[in-house]
Amino acid sequence: MIPRLPGRESLWHLPLAVVLLAPVPACTSSTQLTELEAGLAALEQKLDAFRSQASTRDDLEVVLRGVEQLLESDVSARADLKEDLRQIIVEVEALRTSTQEQRQTLNASLERIGQMNDELNLLQGQLERQETYLSTLSEQLEANRQTTPAESVEPKALYDAAYQSYLSGDYEQAAIGFESYLGTFPNGEDADNAQYWLGESYMERGRFRIAIEELGRVAERYPDSDKVASSMLRIGVAHIELGERDLANEMLLRVRQEYPDSDEAVLALQQLDNPADQL
């Protein structure tokens, strides 16, 4: 009879050699011994299988714990990533808003630059036309001086033609006529009037700087003329048009001081800045 083998729990940790050395009754036959050896071999195979399965389960538990830790880390990482993404979205939205504001500011600046460029082109065109006109005027005056002898021109007719051009609103032609008169008859009977109306011709065309120069020549060349007060008044008005209020007030006060009883003095008072303070 084969002796009782240890339980599975005991065999689990016993080496095969110990099992083989277990006492066997002396009466066991060779056949029984062979069967015992076969049974032991089968038992060894089962023990190996159990050991293999146990190792696999231990490894599986390790893997499962690792997976659980990875999952926990992944959940935490996902939460952190979600918060990072939310923050990035907030920052991107703020950047988009800032970019839109900057784009609007840039568009407004570009629009203003375009307007300024148009204004500059307009002023450039006006300047070119004025330069062309001055060049043409100089050529015409020079041609008149060279081709028209002084003795062949009637001073009164020349002055009247220029004055008629002024009255009809042809201020450019009037300026040409008055320039021609002054170039031909600088000391003529109507020279002071021609000088004054030359300045007025430029005033009417909005060329206030040149008008100031021409009107100033009335007092310089013809100090006894009755046009001096009027020319000073108009110089003050030209300074007002140019935004030069201090120069305007200075000239208008001179009119009141030097010609207090004249109509020009009354008009000068009306043009003065804060006239009540000047009384």
Protein backbone atom coordinates (compact mmCIF):
# COMPACT_ATOMS: atom_id res chain seq x y z
CA MET A 1 0.00 0.00 0.00
CA ILE A 2 1.42 3.43 -1.04
CA PRO A 3 1.92 5.68 1.96
CA ARG A 4 -0.17 8.89 2.20
CA LEU A 5 1.52 11.84 0.48
CA PRO A 6 1.74 15.26 2.14
CA GLY A 7 -1.02 17.74 1.34
CA ARG A 8 -0.83 20.12 -1.63
CA GLU A 9 0.10 22.94 0.62
CA SER A 10 3.11 21.02 1.93
CA LEU A 11 4.17 19.68 -1.45
CA TRP A 12 3.94 23.20 -2.89
CA HIS A 13 7.24 24.13 -1.27
CA LEU A 14 8.97 20.69 -1.14
CA PRO A 15 11.59 19.82 -3.71
CA LEU A 16 11.11 16.71 -5.75
CA ALA A 17 14.15 14.97 -4.16
CA VAL A 18 12.58 15.07 -0.69
CA VAL A 19 9.44 13.50 -2.01
CA LEU A 20 11.47 10.76 -3.71
CA LEU A 21 13.31 9.99 -0.48
CA ALA A 22 10.08 9.42 1.45
CA PRO A 23 10.15 6.00 3.15
CA VAL A 24 8.63 3.18 1.15
CA PRO A 25 7.58 -0.07 2.83
CA ALA A 26 9.91 -2.96 2.21
CA CYS A 27 7.14 -5.13 0.96
CA THR A 28 6.49 -2.94 -2.04
CA SER A 29 6.93 -4.90 -5.25
CA SER A 30 8.80 -3.69 -8.32
CA THR A 31 5.53 -3.09 -10.07
CA GLN A 32 4.25 -0.97 -7.27
CA LEU A 33 7.55 0.91 -7.24
CA THR A 34 7.21 1.66 -10.91
CA GLU A 35 3.67 2.90 -10.41
CA LEU A 36 4.88 5.02 -7.52
CA GLU A 37 7.61 6.57 -9.65
CA ALA A 38 5.08 7.30 -12.37
CA GLY A 39 2.74 8.88 -9.87
CA LEU A 40 5.58 10.95 -8.48
CA ALA A 41 6.54 12.11 -11.96
CA ALA A 42 2.97 13.15 -12.64
CA LEU A 43 2.87 14.90 -9.30
CA GLU A 44 6.08 16.74 -10.15
CA GLN A 45 4.53 17.97 -13.39
CA LYS A 46 1.49 19.24 -11.49
CA LEU A 47 3.74 20.96 -8.96
CA ASP A 48 5.63 22.66 -11.78
CA ALA A 49 2.33 23.74 -13.30
CA PHE A 50 1.17 25.07 -9.93
CA ARG A 51 4.45 26.91 -9.47
CA SER A 52 4.13 28.40 -12.97
CA GLN A 53 0.54 29.44 -12.35
CA ALA A 54 1.45 30.97 -9.02
CA SER A 55 4.26 32.95 -10.61
CA THR A 56 1.90 34.12 -13.34
CA ARG A 57 -0.70 35.23 -10.82
CA ASP A 58 1.92 37.08 -8.78
CA ASP A 59 3.15 38.79 -11.93
CA LEU A 60 -0.42 39.55 -12.90
CA GLU A 61 -1.08 41.12 -9.53
CA VAL A 62 2.05 43.24 -9.93
CA VAL A 63 0.91 44.23 -13.41
CA LEU A 64 -2.58 45.03 -12.14
CA ARG A 65 -1.20 47.18 -9.36
CA GLY A 66 1.01 48.94 -11.87
CA VAL A 67 -1.97 49.46 -14.14
CA GLU A 68 -4.01 50.85 -11.26
CA GLN A 69 -1.20 53.23 -10.40
CA LEU A 70 -0.92 54.26 -14.06
CA LEU A 71 -4.66 54.81 -14.19
CA GLU A 72 -4.55 56.91 -11.05
CA SER A 73 -1.62 58.88 -12.47
CA ASP A 74 -3.44 59.18 -15.80
CA VAL A 75 -6.58 60.53 -14.11
CA SER A 76 -4.48 63.08 -12.20
CA ALA A 77 -2.56 63.91 -15.36
CA ARG A 78 -5.80 64.30 -17.30
CA ALA A 79 -7.12 66.65 -14.64
CA ASP A 80 -3.90 68.70 -14.76
CA LEU A 81 -4.00 68.64 -18.55
CA LYS A 82 -7.62 69.78 -18.54
CA GLU A 83 -6.75 72.70 -16.26
CA ASP A 84 -3.74 73.56 -18.43
CA LEU A 85 -5.92 73.46 -21.53
CA ARG A 86 -8.51 75.68 -19.86
CA GLN A 87 -5.82 78.19 -18.94
CA ILE A 88 -4.42 78.07 -22.45
CA ILE A 89 -7.89 78.71 -23.88
CA VAL A 90 -8.30 81.72 -21.56
CA GLU A 91 -4.90 83.09 -22.60
CA VAL A 92 -5.60 82.47 -26.29
CA GLU A 93 -8.94 84.28 -25.99
CA ALA A 94 -7.26 87.22 -24.28
CA LEU A 95 -4.60 87.24 -26.98
CA ARG A 96 -7.27 87.14 -29.68
CA THR A 97 -9.04 90.13 -28.10
CA SER A 98 -5.79 92.06 -27.81
CA THR A 99 -4.92 91.21 -31.40
CA GLN A 100 -8.31 92.45 -32.60
CA GLU A 101 -7.88 95.72 -30.71
CA GLN A 102 -4.39 96.16 -32.12
CA ARG A 103 -5.69 95.39 -35.61
CA GLN A 104 -8.42 98.02 -35.21
CA THR A 105 -5.87 100.56 -34.00
CA LEU A 106 -3.59 99.70 -36.90
CA ASN A 107 -6.43 100.00 -39.41
CA ALA A 108 -7.38 103.40 -37.97
CA SER A 109 -3.75 104.53 -38.19
CA LEU A 110 -3.47 103.30 -41.77
CA GLU A 111 -6.69 105.08 -42.66
CA ARG A 112 -5.40 108.32 -41.13
CA ILE A 113 -2.09 107.91 -42.95
CA GLY A 114 -4.04 107.45 -46.18
CA GLN A 115 -6.01 110.62 -45.51
CA MET A 116 -2.84 112.54 -44.72
CA ASN A 117 -1.26 111.21 -47.89
CA ASP A 118 -4.27 112.39 -49.91
CA GLU A 119 -4.07 115.80 -48.25
CA LEU A 120 -0.34 115.95 -48.95
CA ASN A 121 -0.91 115.06 -52.59
CA LEU A 122 -3.57 117.77 -52.80
CA LEU A 123 -1.25 120.35 -51.27
CA GLN A 124 1.54 119.19 -53.54
CA GLY A 125 -0.72 119.66 -56.55
CA GLN A 126 -1.72 123.12 -55.39
CA LEU A 127 1.92 124.06 -54.83
CA GLU A 128 2.87 122.83 -58.28
CA ARG A 129 0.04 124.82 -59.84
CA GLN A 130 1.09 127.93 -57.93
CA GLU A 131 4.69 127.51 -58.99
CA THR A 132 3.59 127.07 -62.58
CA TYR A 133 1.41 130.16 -62.33
CA LEU A 134 4.24 132.24 -60.83
CA SER A 135 6.57 131.09 -63.55
CA THR A 136 4.03 131.98 -66.23
CA LEU A 137 3.30 135.33 -64.57
CA SER A 138 7.00 136.20 -64.45
CA GLU A 139 7.41 135.30 -68.09
CA GLN A 140 4.39 137.42 -69.05
CA LEU A 141 5.63 140.40 -67.05
CA GLU A 142 9.07 140.13 -68.54
CA ALA A 143 7.59 139.86 -72.01
CA ASN A 144 5.42 142.92 -71.36
CA ARG A 145 8.39 144.95 -70.17
CA GLN A 146 10.47 143.95 -73.21
CA THR A 147 7.84 144.30 -75.94
CA THR A 148 5.87 147.32 -74.70
CA PRO A 149 7.77 150.62 -74.66
CA ALA A 150 6.78 152.89 -71.79
CA GLU A 151 6.00 155.80 -74.04
CA SER A 152 3.57 153.75 -76.14
CA VAL A 153 1.38 152.70 -73.18
CA GLU A 154 -1.24 154.96 -71.67
CA PRO A 155 -0.84 154.70 -67.84
CA LYS A 156 -4.47 155.36 -67.11
CA ALA A 157 -5.64 152.77 -69.65
CA LEU A 158 -3.28 150.15 -68.21
CA TYR A 159 -4.43 150.84 -64.65
CA ASP A 160 -8.12 150.91 -65.58
CA ALA A 161 -7.84 147.58 -67.45
CA ALA A 162 -6.27 145.92 -64.40
CA TYR A 163 -8.84 147.43 -62.06
CA GLN A 164 -11.68 146.28 -64.30
CA SER A 165 -10.29 142.74 -64.18
CA TYR A 166 -10.34 142.96 -60.38
CA LEU A 167 -13.95 144.16 -60.32
CA SER A 168 -15.01 141.35 -62.65
CA GLY A 169 -13.44 138.75 -60.34
CA ASP A 170 -10.51 137.86 -62.60
CA TYR A 171 -7.97 138.38 -59.84
CA GLU A 172 -5.19 136.58 -61.64
CA GLN A 173 -5.42 138.86 -64.66
CA ALA A 174 -5.81 141.85 -62.35
CA ALA A 175 -2.54 140.98 -60.60
CA ILE A 176 -0.82 140.72 -63.96
CA GLY A 177 -2.18 144.14 -64.96
CA PHE A 178 -1.19 145.86 -61.70
CA GLU A 179 2.29 144.29 -61.86
CA SER A 180 2.62 145.53 -65.41
CA TYR A 181 1.58 149.04 -64.40
CA LEU A 182 4.00 149.16 -61.47
CA GLY A 183 6.83 147.78 -63.59
CA THR A 184 6.20 150.39 -66.25
CA PHE A 185 5.13 153.35 -64.12
CA PRO A 186 6.48 152.79 -60.57
CA ASN A 187 5.93 156.49 -59.80
CA GLY A 188 2.79 156.95 -61.85
CA GLU A 189 -0.27 158.83 -60.67
CA ASP A 190 -2.05 155.60 -59.70
CA ALA A 191 1.01 153.66 -58.52
CA ASP A 192 -0.08 153.62 -54.85
CA ASN A 193 -3.55 152.40 -55.82
CA ALA A 194 -2.04 149.80 -58.14
CA GLN A 195 0.17 148.57 -55.31
CA TYR A 196 -2.79 148.33 -52.94
CA TRP A 197 -5.05 146.50 -55.38
CA LEU A 198 -2.22 144.15 -56.27
CA GLY A 199 -2.19 143.11 -52.62
CA GLU A 200 -5.98 142.79 -52.65
CA SER A 201 -5.80 140.58 -55.75
CA TYR A 202 -3.68 138.11 -53.75
CA MET A 203 -6.01 138.43 -50.74
CA GLU A 204 -8.98 137.43 -52.85
CA ARG A 205 -7.17 134.31 -54.01
CA GLY A 206 -6.26 133.29 -50.45
CA ARG A 207 -2.54 133.91 -50.92
CA PHE A 208 -2.24 135.83 -47.69
CA ARG A 209 1.54 135.67 -47.26
CA ILE A 210 2.19 137.31 -50.63
CA ALA A 211 -0.67 139.73 -49.97
CA ILE A 212 1.03 140.89 -46.75
CA GLU A 213 4.23 141.60 -48.68
CA GLU A 214 2.48 143.54 -51.44
CA LEU A 215 0.25 145.52 -49.06
CA GLY A 216 3.28 146.35 -46.91
CA ARG A 217 4.90 148.04 -49.90
CA VAL A 218 2.16 150.67 -49.93
CA ALA A 219 3.49 152.33 -46.76
CA GLU A 220 7.12 151.64 -47.78
CA ARG A 221 6.94 153.20 -51.24
CA TYR A 222 4.03 155.59 -50.85
CA PRO A 223 3.93 156.70 -47.20
CA ASP A 224 1.68 159.71 -47.98
CA SER A 225 -0.92 157.66 -49.84
CA ASP A 226 -4.49 157.53 -48.57
CA LYS A 227 -4.28 153.76 -49.05
CA VAL A 228 -1.81 153.25 -46.18
CA ALA A 229 -4.50 152.86 -43.50
CA SER A 230 -6.45 150.44 -45.68
CA SER A 231 -3.34 148.42 -46.47
CA MET A 232 -2.47 148.15 -42.75
CA LEU A 233 -6.01 147.04 -41.95
CA ARG A 234 -5.88 144.38 -44.64
CA ILE A 235 -2.48 143.19 -43.42
CA GLY A 236 -4.07 142.65 -39.99
CA VAL A 237 -6.89 140.64 -41.61
CA ALA A 238 -4.36 138.54 -43.54
CA HIS A 239 -2.55 137.69 -40.29
CA ILE A 240 -5.88 136.62 -38.81
CA GLU A 241 -6.47 134.32 -41.77
CA LEU A 242 -3.03 132.80 -41.20
CA GLY A 243 -3.79 132.25 -37.51
CA GLU A 244 -1.21 134.84 -36.42
CA ARG A 245 -3.41 136.65 -33.92
CA ASP A 246 -0.60 138.49 -32.09
CA LEU A 247 0.71 140.02 -35.32
CA ALA A 248 -2.85 140.84 -36.35
CA ASN A 249 -3.61 142.64 -33.08
CA GLU A 250 -0.36 144.57 -33.32
CA MET A 251 -1.20 145.84 -36.82
CA LEU A 252 -4.84 146.61 -35.97
CA LEU A 253 -3.77 148.63 -32.90
CA ARG A 254 -1.41 150.63 -35.09
CA VAL A 255 -4.33 151.50 -37.36
CA ARG A 256 -6.31 152.80 -34.37
CA GLN A 257 -3.34 154.70 -33.00
CA GLU A 258 -2.09 156.24 -36.26
CA TYR A 259 -5.48 156.79 -37.91
CA PRO A 260 -7.90 157.13 -34.98
CA ASP A 261 -10.54 159.12 -36.91
CA SER A 262 -10.59 156.94 -39.99
CA ASP A 263 -13.14 154.36 -41.10
CA GLU A 264 -10.29 151.84 -41.00
CA ALA A 265 -9.91 152.47 -37.25
CA VAL A 266 -13.54 151.48 -36.70
CA LEU A 267 -13.08 148.34 -38.78
CA ALA A 268 -9.84 147.54 -36.96
CA LEU A 269 -11.67 147.68 -33.61
CA GLN A 270 -14.16 145.13 -34.92
CA GLN A 271 -11.32 142.79 -35.93
CA LEU A 272 -9.36 143.09 -32.69
CA ASP A 273 -9.20 140.09 -30.36
CA ASN A 274 -11.14 141.10 -27.20
CA PRO A 275 -11.71 144.65 -28.50
CA ALA A 276 -13.16 145.83 -25.17
CA ASP A 277 -9.71 145.37 -23.61
CA GLN A 278 -8.14 147.55 -26.31
CA LEU A 279 -10.33 150.64 -25.72
